[in-house]
Amino acid sequence: MNNFFNLDNKFFTTLGKVFDMMCLSVVWALLCIPIITIGPANTAMYYATVKVIRRERGYLMREFFRSFRLNFKRAAILGVMFTIMFVVLGFDLFYARASINSENNSSSILFGVFVAITILIASVSTYVYPVLSRFDMTIKQLLKACIFLAIRHLPFTAGMLVITAAGIVAVLFYPLAIFLAPAGVTFLNSFLMERVMKKYMPKPEEGEENTSKDEWYLE
């Protein structure tokens, strides 16, 4: 019985992580209201989710806003760029779908093309913000790397797209899920994302001691 009330037991630890994810989801949702901060909010949420909630290093909001400020310029540009692409593709898909009929095969083909493009862009955007939170790259280098990762690790990409789609559907059918789904999706995706990114992280040389740099992501 005494163990149950121990704040370090599994129940309270899990409850604390859920509460942290709820806090992150609310802050993320508020910061996504201005389009220009969507990218920085996505980058910061991944960084804080992995470092604080999964690795239990640092303080949640401190790490969130640290990443938010550090990657703001590149993340803002990428966020606006992907938002515009998704909005345009959304209209294209809507009108292509509305134009489909049994006598017009070209509309069906066009709809299929737009679906394929949407999946490709969604795949790349799945990697963009986590990679930006971890690696120092130009926007051009980042996009090239994310295209490579999305194709090279296709099973992981598909898994993350399914998790993300499930989160979106949950919010659409149960709006209160917005208080947990964003960080929850990020948390689940991170188990796949970290397996991919660890393959490309520089490993410290054998016998090398570096106490000044906190390489928490290698744990």
N, C-alpha and C. Protein backbone atom coordinates (compact mmCIF):
# COMPACT_ATOMS: atom_id res chain seq x y z
N MET A 1 0.84 -1.21 0.00
CA MET A 1 0.00 0.00 0.00
C MET A 1 0.86 1.25 0.00
N ASN A 2 1.94 1.20 0.80
CA ASN A 2 2.84 2.36 0.84
C ASN A 2 3.47 2.61 -0.52
N ASN A 3 3.73 1.51 -1.25
CA ASN A 3 4.35 1.64 -2.57
C ASN A 3 3.44 2.35 -3.55
N PHE A 4 2.11 2.17 -3.38
CA PHE A 4 1.15 2.82 -4.28
C PHE A 4 1.24 4.33 -4.18
N PHE A 5 1.45 4.84 -2.97
CA PHE A 5 1.51 6.28 -2.77
C PHE A 5 2.91 6.85 -2.99
N ASN A 6 3.84 6.01 -3.39
CA ASN A 6 5.18 6.47 -3.74
C ASN A 6 5.12 7.17 -5.10
N LEU A 7 5.49 8.44 -5.14
CA LEU A 7 5.39 9.23 -6.37
C LEU A 7 6.30 8.72 -7.48
N ASP A 8 7.25 7.83 -7.13
CA ASP A 8 8.16 7.29 -8.14
C ASP A 8 7.67 5.98 -8.73
N ASN A 9 6.50 5.50 -8.28
CA ASN A 9 6.03 4.23 -8.83
C ASN A 9 5.49 4.42 -10.25
N LYS A 10 5.26 3.30 -10.95
CA LYS A 10 4.93 3.35 -12.37
C LYS A 10 3.63 4.10 -12.64
N PHE A 11 2.64 3.95 -11.75
CA PHE A 11 1.35 4.61 -11.95
C PHE A 11 1.50 6.12 -11.97
N PHE A 12 2.16 6.68 -10.96
CA PHE A 12 2.31 8.13 -10.88
C PHE A 12 3.26 8.66 -11.95
N THR A 13 4.27 7.86 -12.31
CA THR A 13 5.18 8.27 -13.38
C THR A 13 4.43 8.38 -14.70
N THR A 14 3.59 7.38 -14.99
CA THR A 14 2.79 7.40 -16.22
C THR A 14 1.81 8.55 -16.20
N LEU A 15 1.17 8.77 -15.05
CA LEU A 15 0.22 9.88 -14.91
C LEU A 15 0.91 11.21 -15.16
N GLY A 16 2.14 11.35 -14.65
CA GLY A 16 2.91 12.57 -14.85
C GLY A 16 3.23 12.79 -16.31
N LYS A 17 3.56 11.72 -17.03
CA LYS A 17 3.87 11.84 -18.46
C LYS A 17 2.63 12.24 -19.26
N VAL A 18 1.48 11.68 -18.89
CA VAL A 18 0.23 12.04 -19.57
C VAL A 18 -0.09 13.51 -19.33
N PHE A 19 0.10 13.97 -18.10
CA PHE A 19 -0.14 15.38 -17.79
C PHE A 19 0.81 16.28 -18.59
N ASP A 20 2.08 15.88 -18.69
CA ASP A 20 3.04 16.65 -19.48
C ASP A 20 2.62 16.71 -20.95
N MET A 21 2.11 15.60 -21.47
CA MET A 21 1.66 15.58 -22.86
C MET A 21 0.45 16.48 -23.07
N MET A 22 -0.41 16.54 -22.07
CA MET A 22 -1.56 17.44 -22.15
C MET A 22 -1.11 18.90 -22.17
N CYS A 23 -0.14 19.24 -21.31
CA CYS A 23 0.39 20.61 -21.28
C CYS A 23 1.03 20.97 -22.61
N LEU A 24 1.83 20.04 -23.15
CA LEU A 24 2.48 20.28 -24.44
C LEU A 24 1.45 20.47 -25.55
N SER A 25 0.42 19.65 -25.54
CA SER A 25 -0.61 19.72 -26.58
C SER A 25 -1.32 21.07 -26.57
N VAL A 26 -1.62 21.57 -25.38
CA VAL A 26 -2.31 22.87 -25.26
C VAL A 26 -1.41 24.00 -25.75
N VAL A 27 -0.15 24.01 -25.31
CA VAL A 27 0.78 25.06 -25.74
C VAL A 27 0.99 24.99 -27.24
N TRP A 28 1.15 23.77 -27.76
CA TRP A 28 1.33 23.59 -29.21
C TRP A 28 0.13 24.13 -29.98
N ALA A 29 -1.08 23.79 -29.54
CA ALA A 29 -2.29 24.23 -30.24
C ALA A 29 -2.39 25.75 -30.26
N LEU A 30 -2.06 26.39 -29.14
CA LEU A 30 -2.12 27.86 -29.08
C LEU A 30 -1.09 28.49 -30.01
N LEU A 31 0.10 27.90 -30.06
CA LEU A 31 1.16 28.46 -30.90
C LEU A 31 0.95 28.18 -32.38
N CYS A 32 0.05 27.25 -32.70
CA CYS A 32 -0.24 26.96 -34.11
C CYS A 32 -1.31 27.88 -34.69
N ILE A 33 -1.91 28.72 -33.84
CA ILE A 33 -2.94 29.64 -34.34
C ILE A 33 -2.36 30.63 -35.34
N PRO A 34 -1.22 31.28 -35.04
CA PRO A 34 -0.56 32.07 -36.09
C PRO A 34 0.20 31.10 -37.01
N ILE A 35 -0.04 31.17 -38.31
CA ILE A 35 0.57 30.21 -39.24
C ILE A 35 2.09 30.22 -39.14
N ILE A 36 2.68 31.37 -38.90
CA ILE A 36 4.13 31.49 -38.92
C ILE A 36 4.81 30.70 -37.80
N THR A 37 4.07 30.38 -36.74
CA THR A 37 4.69 29.65 -35.62
C THR A 37 4.36 28.15 -35.62
N ILE A 38 3.71 27.66 -36.67
CA ILE A 38 3.40 26.23 -36.74
C ILE A 38 4.67 25.40 -36.77
N GLY A 39 5.61 25.78 -37.62
CA GLY A 39 6.87 25.04 -37.74
C GLY A 39 7.68 25.02 -36.45
N PRO A 40 7.94 26.19 -35.84
CA PRO A 40 8.66 26.20 -34.57
C PRO A 40 7.96 25.39 -33.48
N ALA A 41 6.62 25.43 -33.46
CA ALA A 41 5.87 24.68 -32.45
C ALA A 41 6.04 23.17 -32.66
N ASN A 42 6.00 22.72 -33.92
CA ASN A 42 6.20 21.30 -34.22
C ASN A 42 7.60 20.83 -33.82
N THR A 43 8.59 21.64 -34.16
CA THR A 43 9.98 21.30 -33.84
C THR A 43 10.18 21.22 -32.33
N ALA A 44 9.68 22.22 -31.63
CA ALA A 44 9.84 22.27 -30.17
C ALA A 44 9.10 21.13 -29.48
N MET A 45 7.93 20.76 -30.01
CA MET A 45 7.18 19.68 -29.37
C MET A 45 7.92 18.35 -29.49
N TYR A 46 8.51 18.10 -30.65
CA TYR A 46 9.27 16.85 -30.77
C TYR A 46 10.46 16.85 -29.82
N TYR A 47 11.19 17.95 -29.80
CA TYR A 47 12.38 18.05 -28.95
C TYR A 47 12.02 17.83 -27.48
N ALA A 48 10.99 18.53 -27.01
CA ALA A 48 10.60 18.43 -25.60
C ALA A 48 10.02 17.06 -25.26
N THR A 49 9.27 16.49 -26.20
CA THR A 49 8.68 15.17 -25.96
C THR A 49 9.75 14.11 -25.75
N VAL A 50 10.74 14.10 -26.63
CA VAL A 50 11.78 13.07 -26.53
C VAL A 50 12.72 13.34 -25.36
N LYS A 51 13.17 14.58 -25.21
CA LYS A 51 14.16 14.88 -24.17
C LYS A 51 13.57 14.82 -22.77
N VAL A 52 12.40 15.41 -22.58
CA VAL A 52 11.84 15.53 -21.22
C VAL A 52 10.92 14.36 -20.87
N ILE A 53 9.94 14.08 -21.74
CA ILE A 53 8.96 13.04 -21.40
C ILE A 53 9.56 11.64 -21.53
N ARG A 54 10.31 11.39 -22.60
CA ARG A 54 10.88 10.04 -22.76
C ARG A 54 12.19 9.86 -22.01
N ARG A 55 13.11 10.83 -22.14
CA ARG A 55 14.43 10.67 -21.54
C ARG A 55 14.52 11.24 -20.12
N GLU A 56 13.48 11.99 -19.73
CA GLU A 56 13.42 12.58 -18.38
C GLU A 56 14.63 13.47 -18.09
N ARG A 57 14.93 14.33 -19.05
CA ARG A 57 16.04 15.27 -18.90
C ARG A 57 15.50 16.69 -19.02
N GLY A 58 15.84 17.57 -18.10
CA GLY A 58 15.44 18.96 -18.18
C GLY A 58 14.01 19.21 -17.75
N TYR A 59 13.55 20.45 -18.00
CA TYR A 59 12.20 20.87 -17.62
C TYR A 59 11.38 21.12 -18.89
N LEU A 60 10.13 20.69 -18.86
CA LEU A 60 9.29 20.62 -20.05
C LEU A 60 9.22 21.94 -20.81
N MET A 61 8.70 23.00 -20.19
CA MET A 61 8.50 24.25 -20.90
C MET A 61 9.82 24.95 -21.23
N ARG A 62 10.81 24.77 -20.36
CA ARG A 62 12.12 25.37 -20.63
C ARG A 62 12.72 24.77 -21.90
N GLU A 63 12.67 23.45 -22.03
CA GLU A 63 13.23 22.79 -23.21
C GLU A 63 12.39 23.08 -24.45
N PHE A 64 11.07 23.16 -24.27
CA PHE A 64 10.19 23.47 -25.39
C PHE A 64 10.54 24.83 -25.99
N PHE A 65 10.58 25.85 -25.16
CA PHE A 65 10.83 27.19 -25.68
C PHE A 65 12.29 27.41 -26.07
N ARG A 66 13.18 26.62 -25.52
CA ARG A 66 14.58 26.67 -25.95
C ARG A 66 14.67 26.25 -27.42
N SER A 67 14.06 25.13 -27.76
CA SER A 67 14.05 24.67 -29.14
C SER A 67 13.24 25.61 -30.03
N PHE A 68 12.15 26.13 -29.49
CA PHE A 68 11.29 27.07 -30.24
C PHE A 68 12.11 28.27 -30.71
N ARG A 69 12.90 28.84 -29.81
CA ARG A 69 13.71 30.02 -30.15
C ARG A 69 14.89 29.65 -31.06
N LEU A 70 15.54 28.55 -30.73
CA LEU A 70 16.76 28.17 -31.45
C LEU A 70 16.50 27.88 -32.92
N ASN A 71 15.37 27.25 -33.22
CA ASN A 71 15.09 26.83 -34.60
C ASN A 71 14.01 27.67 -35.27
N PHE A 72 13.71 28.84 -34.69
CA PHE A 72 12.54 29.59 -35.14
C PHE A 72 12.57 29.94 -36.62
N LYS A 73 13.67 30.51 -37.10
CA LYS A 73 13.70 31.02 -38.48
C LYS A 73 13.46 29.93 -39.50
N ARG A 74 14.27 28.86 -39.44
CA ARG A 74 14.12 27.78 -40.42
C ARG A 74 12.79 27.06 -40.26
N ALA A 75 12.39 26.82 -39.02
CA ALA A 75 11.13 26.11 -38.78
C ALA A 75 9.93 26.93 -39.25
N ALA A 76 9.99 28.25 -39.07
CA ALA A 76 8.88 29.11 -39.51
C ALA A 76 8.73 29.07 -41.03
N ILE A 77 9.86 29.14 -41.73
CA ILE A 77 9.83 29.08 -43.20
C ILE A 77 9.25 27.74 -43.66
N LEU A 78 9.73 26.66 -43.06
CA LEU A 78 9.24 25.33 -43.44
C LEU A 78 7.77 25.15 -43.08
N GLY A 79 7.37 25.67 -41.92
CA GLY A 79 5.98 25.55 -41.50
C GLY A 79 5.03 26.25 -42.45
N VAL A 80 5.37 27.46 -42.85
CA VAL A 80 4.53 28.21 -43.80
C VAL A 80 4.50 27.50 -45.14
N MET A 81 5.66 27.02 -45.58
CA MET A 81 5.77 26.34 -46.87
C MET A 81 4.89 25.08 -46.92
N PHE A 82 4.99 24.24 -45.89
CA PHE A 82 4.19 23.01 -45.87
C PHE A 82 2.71 23.31 -45.67
N THR A 83 2.38 24.33 -44.89
CA THR A 83 0.98 24.69 -44.69
C THR A 83 0.34 25.11 -46.01
N ILE A 84 1.05 25.94 -46.78
CA ILE A 84 0.54 26.37 -48.09
C ILE A 84 0.35 25.17 -49.01
N MET A 85 1.34 24.27 -49.03
CA MET A 85 1.24 23.09 -49.90
C MET A 85 0.05 22.22 -49.52
N PHE A 86 -0.17 22.01 -48.22
CA PHE A 86 -1.29 21.17 -47.79
C PHE A 86 -2.64 21.82 -48.09
N VAL A 87 -2.71 23.14 -47.94
CA VAL A 87 -3.97 23.84 -48.26
C VAL A 87 -4.27 23.74 -49.75
N VAL A 88 -3.27 23.98 -50.59
CA VAL A 88 -3.45 23.89 -52.04
C VAL A 88 -3.85 22.47 -52.44
N LEU A 89 -3.15 21.48 -51.88
CA LEU A 89 -3.47 20.08 -52.19
C LEU A 89 -4.86 19.70 -51.69
N GLY A 90 -5.27 20.28 -50.56
CA GLY A 90 -6.61 20.02 -50.04
C GLY A 90 -7.68 20.46 -51.02
N PHE A 91 -7.52 21.66 -51.58
CA PHE A 91 -8.47 22.15 -52.59
C PHE A 91 -8.41 21.30 -53.85
N ASP A 92 -7.20 20.94 -54.27
CA ASP A 92 -7.04 20.10 -55.47
C ASP A 92 -7.74 18.76 -55.29
N LEU A 93 -7.55 18.14 -54.13
CA LEU A 93 -8.18 16.85 -53.86
C LEU A 93 -9.71 16.97 -53.83
N PHE A 94 -10.19 18.06 -53.24
CA PHE A 94 -11.64 18.27 -53.14
C PHE A 94 -12.27 18.39 -54.53
N TYR A 95 -11.67 19.24 -55.37
CA TYR A 95 -12.25 19.46 -56.70
C TYR A 95 -12.04 18.26 -57.62
N ALA A 96 -10.90 17.58 -57.49
CA ALA A 96 -10.66 16.38 -58.30
C ALA A 96 -11.65 15.28 -57.92
N ARG A 97 -11.89 15.13 -56.61
CA ARG A 97 -12.85 14.12 -56.15
C ARG A 97 -14.26 14.46 -56.61
N ALA A 98 -14.62 15.73 -56.58
CA ALA A 98 -15.96 16.15 -57.00
C ALA A 98 -16.17 15.97 -58.50
N SER A 99 -15.07 15.96 -59.26
CA SER A 99 -15.16 15.84 -60.72
C SER A 99 -15.22 14.40 -61.20
N ILE A 100 -14.99 13.45 -60.30
CA ILE A 100 -14.96 12.05 -60.70
C ILE A 100 -16.36 11.56 -61.06
N ASN A 101 -16.48 10.93 -62.22
CA ASN A 101 -17.71 10.24 -62.60
C ASN A 101 -17.35 9.05 -63.48
N SER A 102 -18.29 8.21 -63.72
CA SER A 102 -18.03 6.96 -64.43
C SER A 102 -17.58 7.17 -65.87
N GLU A 103 -17.88 8.33 -66.43
CA GLU A 103 -17.54 8.58 -67.83
C GLU A 103 -16.26 9.40 -67.99
N ASN A 104 -15.64 9.78 -66.88
CA ASN A 104 -14.46 10.64 -66.97
C ASN A 104 -13.30 10.01 -66.19
N ASN A 105 -12.51 9.20 -66.90
CA ASN A 105 -11.38 8.52 -66.26
C ASN A 105 -10.25 9.46 -65.91
N SER A 106 -10.14 10.57 -66.65
CA SER A 106 -9.04 11.51 -66.41
C SER A 106 -9.14 12.13 -65.02
N SER A 107 -10.35 12.36 -64.53
CA SER A 107 -10.53 12.93 -63.18
C SER A 107 -10.07 11.94 -62.12
N SER A 108 -10.34 10.66 -62.35
CA SER A 108 -9.89 9.63 -61.40
C SER A 108 -8.38 9.54 -61.36
N ILE A 109 -7.76 9.64 -62.53
CA ILE A 109 -6.30 9.61 -62.60
C ILE A 109 -5.71 10.83 -61.89
N LEU A 110 -6.31 12.00 -62.15
CA LEU A 110 -5.84 13.24 -61.52
C LEU A 110 -5.98 13.16 -60.00
N PHE A 111 -7.09 12.61 -59.54
CA PHE A 111 -7.29 12.45 -58.10
C PHE A 111 -6.21 11.54 -57.50
N GLY A 112 -5.91 10.46 -58.20
CA GLY A 112 -4.86 9.54 -57.75
C GLY A 112 -3.50 10.21 -57.68
N VAL A 113 -3.22 11.07 -58.67
CA VAL A 113 -1.94 11.80 -58.68
C VAL A 113 -1.86 12.74 -57.48
N PHE A 114 -2.94 13.45 -57.19
CA PHE A 114 -2.95 14.37 -56.04
C PHE A 114 -2.81 13.61 -54.71
N VAL A 115 -3.42 12.44 -54.63
CA VAL A 115 -3.28 11.61 -53.42
C VAL A 115 -1.83 11.20 -53.23
N ALA A 116 -1.19 10.78 -54.33
CA ALA A 116 0.22 10.36 -54.26
C ALA A 116 1.12 11.52 -53.84
N ILE A 117 0.87 12.71 -54.40
CA ILE A 117 1.67 13.89 -54.04
C ILE A 117 1.46 14.24 -52.57
N THR A 118 0.22 14.16 -52.11
CA THR A 118 -0.08 14.46 -50.70
C THR A 118 0.64 13.50 -49.76
N ILE A 119 0.64 12.22 -50.10
CA ILE A 119 1.33 11.23 -49.26
C ILE A 119 2.83 11.50 -49.24
N LEU A 120 3.40 11.86 -50.40
CA LEU A 120 4.83 12.15 -50.47
C LEU A 120 5.19 13.35 -49.60
N ILE A 121 4.42 14.43 -49.72
CA ILE A 121 4.70 15.64 -48.94
C ILE A 121 4.47 15.38 -47.45
N ALA A 122 3.43 14.63 -47.13
CA ALA A 122 3.18 14.28 -45.72
C ALA A 122 4.32 13.45 -45.16
N SER A 123 4.87 12.56 -45.98
CA SER A 123 5.99 11.72 -45.54
C SER A 123 7.21 12.57 -45.23
N VAL A 124 7.50 13.52 -46.11
CA VAL A 124 8.66 14.39 -45.91
C VAL A 124 8.45 15.28 -44.68
N SER A 125 7.24 15.83 -44.55
CA SER A 125 6.96 16.72 -43.41
C SER A 125 7.02 15.97 -42.08
N THR A 126 6.77 14.67 -42.10
CA THR A 126 6.87 13.86 -40.88
C THR A 126 8.28 13.88 -40.32
N TYR A 127 9.27 13.93 -41.22
CA TYR A 127 10.68 13.91 -40.80
C TYR A 127 11.24 15.31 -40.54
N VAL A 128 10.71 16.31 -41.21
CA VAL A 128 11.33 17.64 -41.21
C VAL A 128 11.56 18.20 -39.81
N TYR A 129 10.54 18.23 -38.99
CA TYR A 129 10.67 18.89 -37.69
C TYR A 129 11.52 18.10 -36.69
N PRO A 130 11.37 16.77 -36.61
CA PRO A 130 12.30 16.03 -35.75
C PRO A 130 13.76 16.17 -36.17
N VAL A 131 14.02 16.08 -37.48
CA VAL A 131 15.40 16.21 -37.96
C VAL A 131 15.94 17.61 -37.67
N LEU A 132 15.11 18.63 -37.87
CA LEU A 132 15.53 20.00 -37.58
C LEU A 132 15.84 20.17 -36.10
N SER A 133 15.11 19.49 -35.23
CA SER A 133 15.34 19.61 -33.79
C SER A 133 16.65 18.97 -33.35
N ARG A 134 17.23 18.13 -34.21
CA ARG A 134 18.41 17.35 -33.84
C ARG A 134 19.67 17.74 -34.61
N PHE A 135 19.51 18.10 -35.90
CA PHE A 135 20.66 18.36 -36.75
C PHE A 135 20.71 19.83 -37.18
N ASP A 136 21.92 20.32 -37.40
CA ASP A 136 22.11 21.70 -37.86
C ASP A 136 22.32 21.67 -39.37
N MET A 137 21.27 22.03 -40.12
CA MET A 137 21.32 21.98 -41.59
C MET A 137 20.66 23.22 -42.17
N THR A 138 21.01 23.51 -43.42
CA THR A 138 20.27 24.53 -44.16
C THR A 138 18.93 23.92 -44.56
N ILE A 139 18.00 24.76 -44.99
CA ILE A 139 16.68 24.27 -45.40
C ILE A 139 16.81 23.31 -46.58
N LYS A 140 17.68 23.64 -47.53
CA LYS A 140 17.88 22.78 -48.70
C LYS A 140 18.43 21.41 -48.28
N GLN A 141 19.44 21.42 -47.42
CA GLN A 141 20.01 20.16 -46.94
C GLN A 141 18.98 19.34 -46.17
N LEU A 142 18.18 20.04 -45.38
CA LEU A 142 17.17 19.38 -44.56
C LEU A 142 16.12 18.68 -45.43
N LEU A 143 15.64 19.37 -46.45
CA LEU A 143 14.63 18.79 -47.33
C LEU A 143 15.17 17.58 -48.09
N LYS A 144 16.41 17.69 -48.58
CA LYS A 144 17.03 16.57 -49.28
C LYS A 144 17.18 15.37 -48.35
N ALA A 145 17.62 15.63 -47.12
CA ALA A 145 17.80 14.55 -46.14
C ALA A 145 16.47 13.89 -45.81
N CYS A 146 15.42 14.68 -45.66
CA CYS A 146 14.12 14.13 -45.28
C CYS A 146 13.47 13.33 -46.41
N ILE A 147 13.68 13.76 -47.65
CA ILE A 147 13.20 12.98 -48.79
C ILE A 147 13.90 11.62 -48.81
N PHE A 148 15.22 11.65 -48.58
CA PHE A 148 15.99 10.41 -48.53
C PHE A 148 15.50 9.50 -47.41
N LEU A 149 15.31 10.05 -46.22
CA LEU A 149 14.88 9.25 -45.07
C LEU A 149 13.49 8.67 -45.28
N ALA A 150 12.58 9.47 -45.84
CA ALA A 150 11.21 9.02 -46.05
C ALA A 150 11.15 7.83 -46.99
N ILE A 151 12.01 7.83 -48.01
CA ILE A 151 12.03 6.74 -48.98
C ILE A 151 12.88 5.57 -48.48
N ARG A 152 14.03 5.88 -47.90
CA ARG A 152 14.95 4.84 -47.45
C ARG A 152 14.35 3.99 -46.32
N HIS A 153 13.58 4.63 -45.44
CA HIS A 153 12.99 3.93 -44.30
C HIS A 153 11.47 3.89 -44.45
N LEU A 154 11.02 3.37 -45.57
CA LEU A 154 9.60 3.39 -45.92
C LEU A 154 8.68 2.74 -44.89
N PRO A 155 9.04 1.58 -44.31
CA PRO A 155 8.15 0.98 -43.30
C PRO A 155 7.95 1.89 -42.08
N PHE A 156 9.03 2.57 -41.64
CA PHE A 156 8.91 3.50 -40.52
C PHE A 156 8.06 4.70 -40.92
N THR A 157 8.26 5.18 -42.15
CA THR A 157 7.47 6.31 -42.65
C THR A 157 5.99 5.96 -42.65
N ALA A 158 5.66 4.78 -43.17
CA ALA A 158 4.26 4.35 -43.23
C ALA A 158 3.67 4.24 -41.83
N GLY A 159 4.45 3.70 -40.90
CA GLY A 159 3.97 3.58 -39.52
C GLY A 159 3.65 4.92 -38.90
N MET A 160 4.53 5.90 -39.12
CA MET A 160 4.30 7.23 -38.55
C MET A 160 3.12 7.94 -39.21
N LEU A 161 2.94 7.72 -40.51
CA LEU A 161 1.78 8.31 -41.19
C LEU A 161 0.48 7.74 -40.65
N VAL A 162 0.47 6.44 -40.37
CA VAL A 162 -0.73 5.80 -39.81
C VAL A 162 -1.04 6.35 -38.42
N ILE A 163 -0.01 6.49 -37.59
CA ILE A 163 -0.19 7.04 -36.24
C ILE A 163 -0.71 8.47 -36.31
N THR A 164 -0.12 9.28 -37.20
CA THR A 164 -0.54 10.67 -37.36
C THR A 164 -1.98 10.76 -37.85
N ALA A 165 -2.32 9.92 -38.84
CA ALA A 165 -3.69 9.91 -39.37
C ALA A 165 -4.68 9.51 -38.29
N ALA A 166 -4.31 8.55 -37.45
CA ALA A 166 -5.20 8.13 -36.36
C ALA A 166 -5.43 9.28 -35.38
N GLY A 167 -4.39 10.06 -35.11
CA GLY A 167 -4.53 11.22 -34.23
C GLY A 167 -5.45 12.28 -34.81
N ILE A 168 -5.32 12.52 -36.12
CA ILE A 168 -6.18 13.51 -36.79
C ILE A 168 -7.63 13.05 -36.75
N VAL A 169 -7.86 11.78 -37.06
CA VAL A 169 -9.23 11.23 -37.03
C VAL A 169 -9.82 11.33 -35.62
N ALA A 170 -9.00 11.05 -34.61
CA ALA A 170 -9.47 11.13 -33.22
C ALA A 170 -9.95 12.54 -32.88
N VAL A 171 -9.19 13.55 -33.33
CA VAL A 171 -9.56 14.94 -33.05
C VAL A 171 -10.82 15.33 -33.81
N LEU A 172 -10.94 14.86 -35.06
CA LEU A 172 -12.12 15.19 -35.88
C LEU A 172 -13.40 14.61 -35.28
N PHE A 173 -13.33 13.39 -34.76
CA PHE A 173 -14.52 12.74 -34.21
C PHE A 173 -14.72 13.02 -32.73
N TYR A 174 -13.65 13.40 -32.06
CA TYR A 174 -13.74 13.69 -30.62
C TYR A 174 -12.84 14.90 -30.34
N PRO A 175 -13.38 16.13 -30.54
CA PRO A 175 -12.56 17.35 -30.46
C PRO A 175 -11.76 17.50 -29.17
N LEU A 176 -12.24 16.95 -28.06
CA LEU A 176 -11.49 17.07 -26.81
C LEU A 176 -10.15 16.34 -26.86
N ALA A 177 -9.98 15.49 -27.86
CA ALA A 177 -8.71 14.78 -28.02
C ALA A 177 -7.56 15.73 -28.35
N ILE A 178 -7.89 16.97 -28.75
CA ILE A 178 -6.86 17.96 -29.04
C ILE A 178 -6.00 18.23 -27.81
N PHE A 179 -6.53 17.94 -26.62
CA PHE A 179 -5.77 18.17 -25.39
C PHE A 179 -4.73 17.09 -25.11
N LEU A 180 -4.72 16.04 -25.91
CA LEU A 180 -3.74 14.97 -25.71
C LEU A 180 -3.13 14.45 -27.01
N ALA A 181 -3.91 14.45 -28.08
CA ALA A 181 -3.48 13.82 -29.33
C ALA A 181 -2.18 14.39 -29.92
N PRO A 182 -1.99 15.72 -29.98
CA PRO A 182 -0.76 16.23 -30.62
C PRO A 182 0.52 15.68 -30.00
N ALA A 183 0.65 15.80 -28.69
CA ALA A 183 1.85 15.28 -28.03
C ALA A 183 1.84 13.76 -27.99
N GLY A 184 0.64 13.17 -27.89
CA GLY A 184 0.54 11.71 -27.89
C GLY A 184 1.03 11.11 -29.20
N VAL A 185 0.64 11.72 -30.30
CA VAL A 185 1.10 11.27 -31.62
C VAL A 185 2.61 11.45 -31.74
N THR A 186 3.11 12.60 -31.28
CA THR A 186 4.55 12.85 -31.31
C THR A 186 5.30 11.82 -30.47
N PHE A 187 4.76 11.51 -29.30
CA PHE A 187 5.38 10.52 -28.41
C PHE A 187 5.46 9.15 -29.08
N LEU A 188 4.36 8.69 -29.68
CA LEU A 188 4.34 7.39 -30.34
C LEU A 188 5.25 7.37 -31.57
N ASN A 189 5.18 8.43 -32.36
CA ASN A 189 6.03 8.52 -33.55
C ASN A 189 7.51 8.51 -33.20
N SER A 190 7.85 9.07 -32.04
CA SER A 190 9.26 9.19 -31.66
C SER A 190 9.93 7.83 -31.49
N PHE A 191 9.17 6.79 -31.16
CA PHE A 191 9.77 5.46 -31.03
C PHE A 191 10.28 4.95 -32.38
N LEU A 192 9.58 5.32 -33.45
CA LEU A 192 10.04 4.96 -34.79
C LEU A 192 11.09 5.95 -35.28
N MET A 193 10.83 7.24 -35.06
CA MET A 193 11.74 8.28 -35.54
C MET A 193 13.13 8.15 -34.93
N GLU A 194 13.20 7.88 -33.64
CA GLU A 194 14.50 7.77 -32.99
C GLU A 194 15.31 6.59 -33.52
N ARG A 195 14.64 5.51 -33.87
CA ARG A 195 15.34 4.36 -34.45
C ARG A 195 15.96 4.73 -35.80
N VAL A 196 15.28 5.59 -36.54
CA VAL A 196 15.83 6.04 -37.82
C VAL A 196 16.98 7.01 -37.60
N MET A 197 16.77 8.03 -36.77
CA MET A 197 17.78 9.08 -36.62
C MET A 197 19.05 8.58 -35.94
N LYS A 198 18.92 7.59 -35.06
CA LYS A 198 20.11 7.08 -34.38
C LYS A 198 21.10 6.45 -35.35
N LYS A 199 20.60 6.01 -36.50
CA LYS A 199 21.49 5.44 -37.51
C LYS A 199 22.43 6.49 -38.10
N TYR A 200 22.05 7.75 -37.98
CA TYR A 200 22.82 8.83 -38.61
C TYR A 200 23.46 9.78 -37.60
N MET A 201 23.30 9.48 -36.31
CA MET A 201 23.92 10.31 -35.29
C MET A 201 25.40 9.97 -35.18
N PRO A 202 26.28 10.99 -35.12
CA PRO A 202 27.72 10.71 -34.94
C PRO A 202 27.97 10.10 -33.57
N LYS A 203 28.63 8.97 -33.55
CA LYS A 203 28.95 8.30 -32.28
C LYS A 203 30.27 8.83 -31.73
N PRO A 204 30.36 9.04 -30.42
CA PRO A 204 31.63 9.46 -29.82
C PRO A 204 32.68 8.38 -30.01
N GLU A 205 33.91 8.81 -30.30
CA GLU A 205 34.99 7.85 -30.51
C GLU A 205 35.30 7.11 -29.22
N GLU A 206 35.77 5.87 -29.39
CA GLU A 206 36.06 5.03 -28.24
C GLU A 206 37.15 5.65 -27.38
N GLY A 207 36.87 5.75 -26.09
CA GLY A 207 37.83 6.34 -25.17
C GLY A 207 37.74 7.84 -25.07
N GLU A 208 36.91 8.44 -25.93
CA GLU A 208 36.77 9.91 -25.92
C GLU A 208 35.87 10.32 -24.76
N GLU A 209 36.31 11.31 -24.02
CA GLU A 209 35.52 11.82 -22.91
C GLU A 209 35.06 13.22 -23.25
N ASN A 210 33.76 13.42 -23.16
CA ASN A 210 33.20 14.73 -23.46
C ASN A 210 32.12 15.04 -22.44
N THR A 211 32.55 15.62 -21.35
CA THR A 211 31.62 15.88 -20.25
C THR A 211 30.87 17.20 -20.42
N SER A 212 31.30 18.03 -21.37
CA SER A 212 30.68 19.34 -21.53
C SER A 212 29.44 19.29 -22.41
N LYS A 213 29.29 18.21 -23.18
CA LYS A 213 28.17 18.11 -24.11
C LYS A 213 27.19 17.04 -23.64
N ASP A 214 25.93 17.42 -23.51
CA ASP A 214 24.91 16.49 -23.03
C ASP A 214 24.31 15.75 -24.22
N GLU A 215 24.85 14.58 -24.52
CA GLU A 215 24.37 13.81 -25.67
C GLU A 215 23.26 12.85 -25.23
N TRP A 216 22.17 13.41 -24.71
CA TRP A 216 21.05 12.62 -24.19
C TRP A 216 20.40 11.77 -25.27
N TYR A 217 20.46 12.23 -26.51
CA TYR A 217 19.79 11.54 -27.61
C TYR A 217 20.45 10.22 -27.98
N LEU A 218 21.65 9.96 -27.46
CA LEU A 218 22.35 8.71 -27.74
C LEU A 218 22.01 7.63 -26.71
N GLU A 219 21.23 8.00 -25.71
CA GLU A 219 20.90 7.03 -24.65
C GLU A 219 19.93 5.96 -25.16
